[in-house]
Structures are given as structure tokens and as C-alpha cells.
PDB file of N, CA and C in Angstrom:
ATOM      1  N   MET A   1     -26.996  82.875 -63.777  1.00  0.00           N
ATOM      2  CA  MET A   1     -27.373  82.079 -64.923  1.00  0.00           C
ATOM      3  C   MET A   1     -27.704  80.678 -64.439  1.00  0.00           C
ATOM      4  N   GLU A   2     -28.884  80.214 -64.717  1.00  0.00           N
ATOM      5  CA  GLU A   2     -29.296  78.882 -64.301  1.00  0.00           C
ATOM      6  C   GLU A   2     -29.116  77.922 -65.459  1.00  0.00           C
ATOM      7  N   ILE A   3     -28.618  76.782 -65.143  1.00  0.00           N
ATOM      8  CA  ILE A   3     -28.467  75.741 -66.154  1.00  0.00           C
ATOM      9  C   ILE A   3     -29.795  75.023 -66.235  1.00  0.00           C
ATOM     10  N   SER A   4     -30.445  75.133 -67.362  1.00  0.00           N
ATOM     11  CA  SER A   4     -31.777  74.579 -67.489  1.00  0.00           C
ATOM     12  C   SER A   4     -31.740  73.069 -67.339  1.00  0.00           C
ATOM     13  N   GLY A   5     -32.734  72.564 -66.650  1.00  0.00           N
ATOM     14  CA  GLY A   5     -32.836  71.131 -66.446  1.00  0.00           C
ATOM     15  C   GLY A   5     -32.280  70.680 -65.111  1.00  0.00           C
ATOM     16  N   LEU A   6     -31.326  71.408 -64.548  1.00  0.00           N
ATOM     17  CA  LEU A   6     -30.745  71.012 -63.274  1.00  0.00           C
ATOM     18  C   LEU A   6     -31.601  71.467 -62.102  1.00  0.00           C
ATOM     19  N   GLY A   7     -32.379  72.505 -62.278  1.00  0.00           N
ATOM     20  CA  GLY A   7     -33.219  73.000 -61.197  1.00  0.00           C
ATOM     21  C   GLY A   7     -34.206  71.953 -60.724  1.00  0.00           C
ATOM     22  N   SER A   8     -34.783  71.203 -61.639  1.00  0.00           N
ATOM     23  CA  SER A   8     -35.749  70.185 -61.259  1.00  0.00           C
ATOM     24  C   SER A   8     -35.085  69.034 -60.527  1.00  0.00           C
ATOM     25  N   VAL A   9     -33.838  68.740 -60.836  1.00  0.00           N
ATOM     26  CA  VAL A   9     -33.127  67.659 -60.163  1.00  0.00           C
ATOM     27  C   VAL A   9     -32.701  68.096 -58.768  1.00  0.00           C
ATOM     28  N   MET A  10     -32.204  69.319 -58.651  1.00  0.00           N
ATOM     29  CA  MET A  10     -31.668  69.790 -57.381  1.00  0.00           C
ATOM     30  C   MET A  10     -32.768  70.163 -56.396  1.00  0.00           C
ATOM     31  N   ASN A  11     -33.961  70.493 -56.873  1.00  0.00           N
ATOM     32  CA  ASN A  11     -35.045  70.921 -55.999  1.00  0.00           C
ATOM     33  C   ASN A  11     -36.061  69.810 -55.748  1.00  0.00           C
ATOM     34  N   THR A  12     -35.670  68.576 -55.946  1.00  0.00           N
ATOM     35  CA  THR A  12     -36.575  67.457 -55.747  1.00  0.00           C
ATOM     36  C   THR A  12     -36.793  67.256 -54.254  1.00  0.00           C
ATOM     37  N   PRO A  13     -38.042  67.243 -53.800  1.00  0.00           N
ATOM     38  CA  PRO A  13     -38.291  67.018 -52.377  1.00  0.00           C
ATOM     39  C   PRO A  13     -37.791  65.644 -51.952  1.00  0.00           C
ATOM     40  N   SER A  14     -37.378  65.543 -50.693  1.00  0.00           N
ATOM     41  CA  SER A  14     -36.828  64.282 -50.201  1.00  0.00           C
ATOM     42  C   SER A  14     -37.864  63.169 -50.216  1.00  0.00           C
ATOM     43  N   THR A  15     -39.158  63.509 -50.143  1.00  0.00           N
ATOM     44  CA  THR A  15     -40.175  62.464 -50.178  1.00  0.00           C
ATOM     45  C   THR A  15     -40.185  61.759 -51.527  1.00  0.00           C
ATOM     46  N   GLN A  16     -39.899  62.484 -52.588  1.00  0.00           N
ATOM     47  CA  GLN A  16     -39.840  61.852 -53.902  1.00  0.00           C
ATOM     48  C   GLN A  16     -38.606  60.979 -54.022  1.00  0.00           C
ATOM     49  N   LEU A  17     -37.510  61.373 -53.393  1.00  0.00           N
ATOM     50  CA  LEU A  17     -36.284  60.606 -53.475  1.00  0.00           C
ATOM     51  C   LEU A  17     -36.385  59.307 -52.687  1.00  0.00           C
ATOM     52  N   GLU A  18     -37.242  59.273 -51.666  1.00  0.00           N
ATOM     53  CA  GLU A  18     -37.377  58.088 -50.844  1.00  0.00           C
ATOM     54  C   GLU A  18     -38.161  56.984 -51.552  1.00  0.00           C
ATOM     55  N   GLN A  19     -38.916  57.316 -52.577  1.00  0.00           N
ATOM     56  CA  GLN A  19     -39.661  56.307 -53.311  1.00  0.00           C
ATOM     57  C   GLN A  19     -38.666  55.421 -54.047  1.00  0.00           C
ATOM     58  N   THR A  20     -38.921  54.133 -54.004  1.00  0.00           N
ATOM     59  CA  THR A  20     -37.998  53.214 -54.667  1.00  0.00           C
ATOM     60  C   THR A  20     -38.362  53.080 -56.130  1.00  0.00           C
ATOM     61  N   ALA A  21     -37.340  53.048 -56.936  1.00  0.00           N
ATOM     62  CA  ALA A  21     -37.516  52.871 -58.372  1.00  0.00           C
ATOM     63  C   ALA A  21     -36.616  51.727 -58.793  1.00  0.00           C
ATOM     64  N   SER A  22     -37.053  51.019 -59.788  1.00  0.00           N
ATOM     65  CA  SER A  22     -36.239  49.909 -60.266  1.00  0.00           C
ATOM     66  C   SER A  22     -35.001  50.460 -60.968  1.00  0.00           C
ATOM     67  N   PRO A  23     -33.938  49.679 -61.014  1.00  0.00           N
ATOM     68  CA  PRO A  23     -32.730  50.136 -61.714  1.00  0.00           C
ATOM     69  C   PRO A  23     -32.996  50.500 -63.177  1.00  0.00           C
ATOM     70  N   ALA A  24     -33.916  49.786 -63.800  1.00  0.00           N
ATOM     71  CA  ALA A  24     -34.245  50.080 -65.199  1.00  0.00           C
ATOM     72  C   ALA A  24     -34.900  51.459 -65.321  1.00  0.00           C
ATOM     73  N   GLU A  25     -35.777  51.789 -64.365  1.00  0.00           N
ATOM     74  CA  GLU A  25     -36.424  53.102 -64.400  1.00  0.00           C
ATOM     75  C   GLU A  25     -35.414  54.217 -64.166  1.00  0.00           C
ATOM     76  N   VAL A  26     -34.501  54.003 -63.239  1.00  0.00           N
ATOM     77  CA  VAL A  26     -33.475  55.001 -62.955  1.00  0.00           C
ATOM     78  C   VAL A  26     -32.580  55.195 -64.170  1.00  0.00           C
ATOM     79  N   ALA A  27     -32.175  54.094 -64.791  1.00  0.00           N
ATOM     80  CA  ALA A  27     -31.321  54.175 -65.975  1.00  0.00           C
ATOM     81  C   ALA A  27     -32.041  54.891 -67.108  1.00  0.00           C
ATOM     82  N   ARG A  28     -33.327  54.593 -67.292  1.00  0.00           N
ATOM     83  CA  ARG A  28     -34.097  55.235 -68.351  1.00  0.00           C
ATOM     84  C   ARG A  28     -34.231  56.730 -68.070  1.00  0.00           C
ATOM     85  N   SER A  29     -34.493  57.096 -66.816  1.00  0.00           N
ATOM     86  CA  SER A  29     -34.626  58.500 -66.444  1.00  0.00           C
ATOM     87  C   SER A  29     -33.306  59.241 -66.652  1.00  0.00           C
ATOM     88  N   PHE A  30     -32.200  58.638 -66.229  1.00  0.00           N
ATOM     89  CA  PHE A  30     -30.892  59.257 -66.404  1.00  0.00           C
ATOM     90  C   PHE A  30     -30.555  59.385 -67.880  1.00  0.00           C
ATOM     91  N   SER A  31     -30.885  58.364 -68.650  1.00  0.00           N
ATOM     92  CA  SER A  31     -30.630  58.392 -70.089  1.00  0.00           C
ATOM     93  C   SER A  31     -31.410  59.519 -70.760  1.00  0.00           C
ATOM     94  N   GLU A  32     -32.671  59.674 -70.377  1.00  0.00           N
ATOM     95  CA  GLU A  32     -33.491  60.747 -70.940  1.00  0.00           C
ATOM     96  C   GLU A  32     -32.931  62.113 -70.554  1.00  0.00           C
ATOM     97  N   PHE A  33     -32.496  62.254 -69.296  1.00  0.00           N
ATOM     98  CA  PHE A  33     -31.919  63.514 -68.832  1.00  0.00           C
ATOM     99  C   PHE A  33     -30.670  63.855 -69.638  1.00  0.00           C
ATOM    100  N   MET A  34     -29.789  62.879 -69.827  1.00  0.00           N
ATOM    101  CA  MET A  34     -28.550  63.116 -70.562  1.00  0.00           C
ATOM    102  C   MET A  34     -28.836  63.411 -72.038  1.00  0.00           C
ATOM    103  N   THR A  35     -29.783  62.708 -72.617  1.00  0.00           N
ATOM    104  CA  THR A  35     -30.147  62.949 -74.018  1.00  0.00           C
ATOM    105  C   THR A  35     -30.669  64.371 -74.189  1.00  0.00           C
ATOM    106  N   ASN A  36     -31.539  64.807 -73.287  1.00  0.00           N
ATOM    107  CA  ASN A  36     -32.070  66.174 -73.358  1.00  0.00           C
ATOM    108  C   ASN A  36     -30.958  67.202 -73.188  1.00  0.00           C
ATOM    109  N   ALA A  37     -30.040  66.943 -72.266  1.00  0.00           N
ATOM    110  CA  ALA A  37     -28.935  67.872 -72.042  1.00  0.00           C
ATOM    111  C   ALA A  37     -28.047  67.970 -73.282  1.00  0.00           C
ATOM    112  N   LEU A  38     -27.761  66.840 -73.911  1.00  0.00           N
ATOM    113  CA  LEU A  38     -26.934  66.850 -75.115  1.00  0.00           C
ATOM    114  C   LEU A  38     -27.632  67.546 -76.277  1.00  0.00           C
ATOM    115  N   GLU A  39     -28.941  67.381 -76.366  1.00  0.00           N
ATOM    116  CA  GLU A  39     -29.690  68.080 -77.412  1.00  0.00           C
ATOM    117  C   GLU A  39     -29.628  69.599 -77.205  1.00  0.00           C
ATOM    118  N   LYS A  40     -29.687  70.041 -75.947  1.00  0.00           N
ATOM    119  CA  LYS A  40     -29.603  71.470 -75.658  1.00  0.00           C
ATOM    120  C   LYS A  40     -28.214  72.016 -75.987  1.00  0.00           C
ATOM    121  N   VAL A  41     -27.176  71.236 -75.718  1.00  0.00           N
ATOM    122  CA  VAL A  41     -25.817  71.656 -76.063  1.00  0.00           C
ATOM    123  C   VAL A  41     -25.686  71.769 -77.575  1.00  0.00           C
ATOM    124  N   ASP A  42     -26.199  70.781 -78.289  1.00  0.00           N
ATOM    125  CA  ASP A  42     -26.148  70.821 -79.752  1.00  0.00           C
ATOM    126  C   ASP A  42     -26.906  72.021 -80.296  1.00  0.00           C
ATOM    127  N   GLN A  43     -28.067  72.292 -79.714  1.00  0.00           N
ATOM    128  CA  GLN A  43     -28.870  73.434 -80.152  1.00  0.00           C
ATOM    129  C   GLN A  43     -28.107  74.744 -79.926  1.00  0.00           C
ATOM    130  N   ALA A  44     -27.424  74.862 -78.804  1.00  0.00           N
ATOM    131  CA  ALA A  44     -26.645  76.071 -78.520  1.00  0.00           C
ATOM    132  C   ALA A  44     -25.482  76.210 -79.496  1.00  0.00           C
ATOM    133  N   GLN A  45     -24.849  75.089 -79.860  1.00  0.00           N
ATOM    134  CA  GLN A  45     -23.748  75.122 -80.825  1.00  0.00           C
ATOM    135  C   GLN A  45     -24.251  75.557 -82.202  1.00  0.00           C
ATOM    136  N   VAL A  46     -25.387  75.037 -82.607  1.00  0.00           N
ATOM    137  CA  VAL A  46     -25.959  75.394 -83.911  1.00  0.00           C
ATOM    138  C   VAL A  46     -26.351  76.870 -83.924  1.00  0.00           C
ATOM    139  N   GLU A  47     -26.977  77.335 -82.847  1.00  0.00           N
ATOM    140  CA  GLU A  47     -27.378  78.739 -82.760  1.00  0.00           C
ATOM    141  C   GLU A  47     -26.161  79.658 -82.833  1.00  0.00           C
ATOM    142  N   SER A  48     -25.098  79.280 -82.131  1.00  0.00           N
ATOM    143  CA  SER A  48     -23.869  80.075 -82.154  1.00  0.00           C
ATOM    144  C   SER A  48     -23.280  80.113 -83.562  1.00  0.00           C
ATOM    145  N   SER A  49     -23.269  78.987 -84.222  1.00  0.00           N
ATOM    146  CA  SER A  49     -22.739  78.916 -85.582  1.00  0.00           C
ATOM    147  C   SER A  49     -23.554  79.780 -86.548  1.00  0.00           C
ATOM    148  N   GLN A  50     -24.875  79.732 -86.405  1.00  0.00           N
ATOM    149  CA  GLN A  50     -25.735  80.531 -87.272  1.00  0.00           C
ATOM    150  C   GLN A  50     -25.510  82.022 -87.052  1.00  0.00           C
ATOM    151  N   LEU A  51     -25.385  82.436 -85.783  1.00  0.00           N
ATOM    152  CA  LEU A  51     -25.140  83.853 -85.506  1.00  0.00           C
ATOM    153  C   LEU A  51     -23.780  84.285 -86.035  1.00  0.00           C
ATOM    154  N   ASN A  52     -22.775  83.413 -85.934  1.00  0.00           N
ATOM    155  CA  ASN A  52     -21.456  83.732 -86.489  1.00  0.00           C
ATOM    156  C   ASN A  52     -21.529  83.911 -88.004  1.00  0.00           C
ATOM    157  N   GLN A  53     -22.261  83.041 -88.679  1.00  0.00           N
ATOM    158  CA  GLN A  53     -22.409  83.139 -90.127  1.00  0.00           C
ATOM    159  C   GLN A  53     -23.125  84.435 -90.512  1.00  0.00           C
ATOM    160  N   LYS A  54     -24.177  84.778 -89.768  1.00  0.00           N
ATOM    161  CA  LYS A  54     -24.910  86.014 -90.050  1.00  0.00           C
ATOM    162  C   LYS A  54     -24.036  87.241 -89.808  1.00  0.00           C
ATOM    163  N   TYR A  55     -23.207  87.191 -88.771  1.00  0.00           N
ATOM    164  CA  TYR A  55     -22.311  88.318 -88.488  1.00  0.00           C
ATOM    165  C   TYR A  55     -21.280  88.483 -89.600  1.00  0.00           C
ATOM    166  N   MET A  56     -20.714  87.353 -90.066  1.00  0.00           N
ATOM    167  CA  MET A  56     -19.719  87.418 -91.133  1.00  0.00           C
ATOM    168  C   MET A  56     -20.324  87.871 -92.453  1.00  0.00           C
ATOM    169  N   ALA A  57     -21.607  87.577 -92.642  1.00  0.00           N
ATOM    170  CA  ALA A  57     -22.280  87.992 -93.869  1.00  0.00           C
ATOM    171  C   ALA A  57     -22.754  89.440 -93.793  1.00  0.00           C
ATOM    172  N   GLY A  58     -22.660  90.045 -92.614  1.00  0.00           N
ATOM    173  CA  GLY A  58     -23.072  91.436 -92.461  1.00  0.00           C
ATOM    174  C   GLY A  58     -24.534  91.603 -92.129  1.00  0.00           C
ATOM    175  N   GLU A  59     -25.238  90.521 -91.869  1.00  0.00           N
ATOM    176  CA  GLU A  59     -26.661  90.605 -91.538  1.00  0.00           C
ATOM    177  C   GLU A  59     -26.874  91.092 -90.106  1.00  0.00           C
ATOM    178  N   ILE A  60     -25.882  90.876 -89.243  1.00  0.00           N
ATOM    179  CA  ILE A  60     -25.948  91.304 -87.847  1.00  0.00           C
ATOM    180  C   ILE A  60     -24.771  92.242 -87.599  1.00  0.00           C
ATOM    181  N   THR A  61     -25.060  93.375 -86.982  1.00  0.00           N
ATOM    182  CA  THR A  61     -23.973  94.306 -86.674  1.00  0.00           C
ATOM    183  C   THR A  61     -23.646  94.323 -85.183  1.00  0.00           C
ATOM    184  N   ASP A  62     -24.491  93.733 -84.365  1.00  0.00           N
ATOM    185  CA  ASP A  62     -24.284  93.703 -82.917  1.00  0.00           C
ATOM    186  C   ASP A  62     -23.472  92.464 -82.541  1.00  0.00           C
ATOM    187  N   ILE A  63     -22.202  92.671 -82.269  1.00  0.00           N
ATOM    188  CA  ILE A  63     -21.327  91.534 -81.958  1.00  0.00           C
ATOM    189  C   ILE A  63     -21.555  91.003 -80.546  1.00  0.00           C
ATOM    190  N   HIS A  64     -22.200  91.772 -79.684  1.00  0.00           N
ATOM    191  CA  HIS A  64     -22.412  91.337 -78.307  1.00  0.00           C
ATOM    192  C   HIS A  64     -23.223  90.043 -78.245  1.00  0.00           C
ATOM    193  N   ASN A  65     -24.314  89.999 -78.969  1.00  0.00           N
ATOM    194  CA  ASN A  65     -25.143  88.788 -78.957  1.00  0.00           C
ATOM    195  C   ASN A  65     -24.405  87.600 -79.559  1.00  0.00           C
ATOM    196  N   VAL A  66     -23.587  87.854 -80.559  1.00  0.00           N
ATOM    197  CA  VAL A  66     -22.800  86.786 -81.183  1.00  0.00           C
ATOM    198  C   VAL A  66     -21.812  86.221 -80.171  1.00  0.00           C
ATOM    199  N   MET A  67     -21.127  87.096 -79.453  1.00  0.00           N
ATOM    200  CA  MET A  67     -20.143  86.647 -78.470  1.00  0.00           C
ATOM    201  C   MET A  67     -20.801  85.947 -77.284  1.00  0.00           C
ATOM    202  N   ILE A  68     -21.931  86.455 -76.841  1.00  0.00           N
ATOM    203  CA  ILE A  68     -22.652  85.816 -75.731  1.00  0.00           C
ATOM    204  C   ILE A  68     -23.091  84.415 -76.132  1.00  0.00           C
ATOM    205  N   SER A  69     -23.620  84.282 -77.323  1.00  0.00           N
ATOM    206  CA  SER A  69     -24.047  82.973 -77.810  1.00  0.00           C
ATOM    207  C   SER A  69     -22.865  82.013 -77.920  1.00  0.00           C
ATOM    208  N   SER A  70     -21.752  82.521 -78.402  1.00  0.00           N
ATOM    209  CA  SER A  70     -20.560  81.693 -78.538  1.00  0.00           C
ATOM    210  C   SER A  70     -20.041  81.235 -77.179  1.00  0.00           C
ATOM    211  N   GLN A  71     -19.995  82.130 -76.212  1.00  0.00           N
ATOM    212  CA  GLN A  71     -19.526  81.774 -74.874  1.00  0.00           C
ATOM    213  C   GLN A  71     -20.483  80.813 -74.181  1.00  0.00           C
ATOM    214  N   LYS A  72     -21.768  81.023 -74.372  1.00  0.00           N
ATOM    215  CA  LYS A  72     -22.769  80.134 -73.785  1.00  0.00           C
ATOM    216  C   LYS A  72     -22.589  78.713 -74.326  1.00  0.00           C
ATOM    217  N   ALA A  73     -22.406  78.592 -75.622  1.00  0.00           N
ATOM    218  CA  ALA A  73     -22.205  77.274 -76.227  1.00  0.00           C
ATOM    219  C   ALA A  73     -20.910  76.642 -75.741  1.00  0.00           C
ATOM    220  N   ALA A  74     -19.859  77.435 -75.596  1.00  0.00           N
ATOM    221  CA  ALA A  74     -18.574  76.914 -75.133  1.00  0.00           C
ATOM    222  C   ALA A  74     -18.665  76.421 -73.691  1.00  0.00           C
ATOM    223  N   VAL A  75     -19.334  77.177 -72.832  1.00  0.00           N
ATOM    224  CA  VAL A  75     -19.481  76.778 -71.433  1.00  0.00           C
ATOM    225  C   VAL A  75     -20.335  75.514 -71.327  1.00  0.00           C
ATOM    226  N   MET A  76     -21.392  75.441 -72.102  1.00  0.00           N
ATOM    227  CA  MET A  76     -22.241  74.247 -72.076  1.00  0.00           C
ATOM    228  C   MET A  76     -21.467  73.019 -72.533  1.00  0.00           C
ATOM    229  N   LEU A  77     -20.656  73.165 -73.560  1.00  0.00           N
ATOM    230  CA  LEU A  77     -19.860  72.046 -74.047  1.00  0.00           C
ATOM    231  C   LEU A  77     -18.817  71.640 -73.009  1.00  0.00           C
ATOM    232  N   GLN A  78     -18.181  72.614 -72.381  1.00  0.00           N
ATOM    233  CA  GLN A  78     -17.183  72.320 -71.358  1.00  0.00           C
ATOM    234  C   GLN A  78     -17.820  71.589 -70.176  1.00  0.00           C
ATOM    235  N   MET A  79     -18.996  72.028 -69.758  1.00  0.00           N
ATOM    236  CA  MET A  79     -19.684  71.358 -68.659  1.00  0.00           C
ATOM    237  C   MET A  79     -20.054  69.933 -69.038  1.00  0.00           C
ATOM    238  N   THR A  80     -20.497  69.738 -70.262  1.00  0.00           N
ATOM    239  CA  THR A  80     -20.845  68.405 -70.734  1.00  0.00           C
ATOM    240  C   THR A  80     -19.629  67.486 -70.703  1.00  0.00           C
ATOM    241  N   MET A  81     -18.489  67.997 -71.124  1.00  0.00           N
ATOM    242  CA  MET A  81     -17.267  67.194 -71.103  1.00  0.00           C
ATOM    243  C   MET A  81     -16.856  66.845 -69.674  1.00  0.00           C
ATOM    244  N   GLU A  82     -17.025  67.775 -68.747  1.00  0.00           N
ATOM    245  CA  GLU A  82     -16.687  67.498 -67.350  1.00  0.00           C
ATOM    246  C   GLU A  82     -17.613  66.445 -66.753  1.00  0.00           C
ATOM    247  N   VAL A  83     -18.900  66.520 -67.074  1.00  0.00           N
ATOM    248  CA  VAL A  83     -19.847  65.509 -66.590  1.00  0.00           C
ATOM    249  C   VAL A  83     -19.471  64.148 -67.157  1.00  0.00           C
ATOM    250  N   ARG A  84     -19.120  64.102 -68.426  1.00  0.00           N
ATOM    251  CA  ARG A  84     -18.696  62.845 -69.043  1.00  0.00           C
ATOM    252  C   ARG A  84     -17.454  62.299 -68.355  1.00  0.00           C
ATOM    253  N   ASN A  85     -16.481  63.172 -68.090  1.00  0.00           N
ATOM    254  CA  ASN A  85     -15.251  62.737 -67.428  1.00  0.00           C
ATOM    255  C   ASN A  85     -15.532  62.187 -66.040  1.00  0.00           C
ATOM    256  N   LYS A  86     -16.411  62.838 -65.297  1.00  0.00           N
ATOM    257  CA  LYS A  86     -16.754  62.356 -63.958  1.00  0.00           C
ATOM    258  C   LYS A  86     -17.491  61.022 -64.020  1.00  0.00           C
ATOM    259  N   ALA A  87     -18.349  60.851 -65.009  1.00  0.00           N
ATOM    260  CA  ALA A  87     -19.056  59.575 -65.162  1.00  0.00           C
ATOM    261  C   ALA A  87     -18.074  58.457 -65.493  1.00  0.00           C
ATOM    262  N   VAL A  88     -17.108  58.720 -66.341  1.00  0.00           N
ATOM    263  CA  VAL A  88     -16.095  57.716 -66.679  1.00  0.00           C
ATOM    264  C   VAL A  88     -15.250  57.390 -65.457  1.00  0.00           C
ATOM    265  N   GLU A  89     -14.862  58.407 -64.689  1.00  0.00           N
ATOM    266  CA  GLU A  89     -14.090  58.180 -63.465  1.00  0.00           C
ATOM    267  C   GLU A  89     -14.874  57.321 -62.477  1.00  0.00           C
ATOM    268  N   ALA A  90     -16.152  57.616 -62.316  1.00  0.00           N
ATOM    269  CA  ALA A  90     -16.988  56.843 -61.394  1.00  0.00           C
ATOM    270  C   ALA A  90     -17.092  55.391 -61.862  1.00  0.00           C
ATOM    271  N   TYR A  91     -17.284  55.193 -63.158  1.00  0.00           N
ATOM    272  CA  TYR A  91     -17.367  53.834 -63.701  1.00  0.00           C
ATOM    273  C   TYR A  91     -16.063  53.086 -63.461  1.00  0.00           C
ATOM    274  N   GLN A  92     -14.937  53.736 -63.714  1.00  0.00           N
ATOM    275  CA  GLN A  92     -13.643  53.092 -63.501  1.00  0.00           C
ATOM    276  C   GLN A  92     -13.428  52.753 -62.034  1.00  0.00           C
ATOM    277  N   GLU A  93     -13.857  53.629 -61.135  1.00  0.00           N
ATOM    278  CA  GLU A  93     -13.727  53.382 -59.706  1.00  0.00           C
ATOM    279  C   GLU A  93     -14.576  52.184 -59.298  1.00  0.00           C
ATOM    280  N   ILE A  94     -15.770  52.089 -59.824  1.00  0.00           N
ATOM    281  CA  ILE A  94     -16.643  50.951 -59.507  1.00  0.00           C
ATOM    282  C   ILE A  94     -16.020  49.669 -60.029  1.00  0.00           C
ATOM    283  N   MET A  95     -15.444  49.717 -61.216  1.00  0.00           N
ATOM    284  CA  MET A  95     -14.836  48.510 -61.787  1.00  0.00           C
ATOM    285  C   MET A  95     -13.604  48.067 -60.990  1.00  0.00           C
ATOM    286  N   ARG A  96     -12.934  48.970 -60.300  1.00  0.00           N
ATOM    287  CA  ARG A  96     -11.766  48.621 -59.482  1.00  0.00           C
ATOM    288  C   ARG A  96     -12.147  48.032 -58.132  1.00  0.00           C
ATOM    289  N   MET A  97     -13.406  48.198 -57.742  1.00  0.00           N
ATOM    290  CA  MET A  97     -13.838  47.685 -56.435  1.00  0.00           C
ATOM    291  C   MET A  97     -13.804  46.160 -56.422  1.00  0.00           C
ATOM    292  N   GLN A  98     -13.374  45.624 -55.295  1.00  0.00           N
ATOM    293  CA  GLN A  98     -13.377  44.175 -55.147  1.00  0.00           C
ATOM    294  C   GLN A  98     -14.687  43.757 -54.492  1.00  0.00           C
ATOM    295  N   VAL A  99     -15.251  42.711 -55.026  1.00  0.00           N
ATOM    296  CA  VAL A  99     -16.544  42.246 -54.511  1.00  0.00           C
ATOM    297  C   VAL A  99     -16.342  41.110 -53.542  1.00  0.00           C
TER     298      VAL A  99
END
């Protein structure tokens, strides 16, 4: 299972990474990446909720797709929380550094 959006970041050729970008451009790019990732997590949560509602209403009889959707949304949310925790840890570590 590939996490969409990460493939383009991980497969970036080193020649592209060597190009210098201003801090504002990097921040904007990271912000856009995080915004897109959060939108995908939200979309997965909404899709899971809709499938659960349809299953409870009897419109869907195949519970496999409902469970897969639910687990996918849960894993995406858990990964998002871990990324957030690591970003907070990194920020705190930088703030503890003496200049």
C-alpha cells in the first residue's frame, strides 16, 4: 500500500534537491504538502463515515469494504498524528538549542 503524495517526495532526484530555494518557498511548499495530506485524511474519514451509515441503513451488505475503509481512515489519522508529534518534537529541540 503506497501512501499517496509521499512517492513524489521520496523519489525526487538529487539534482532537484541541490537547487536552492528561499525559506519562504520551502515553507510554502511544505504548507501545501501538509494541507493536501490533511485534506486526504479528512476525505478518508468522511468516506468511512458514509460507508458506515450506508451499512447501518442496510444499503450495503458487504462489510469488507466498510471495514477496509474504516481501517484506512484510522491508519491515515494515526500517521498524521505521528507526523505532527515529530514536528512538535523537532520544534522543541530547535528551541532548546543554544545559539
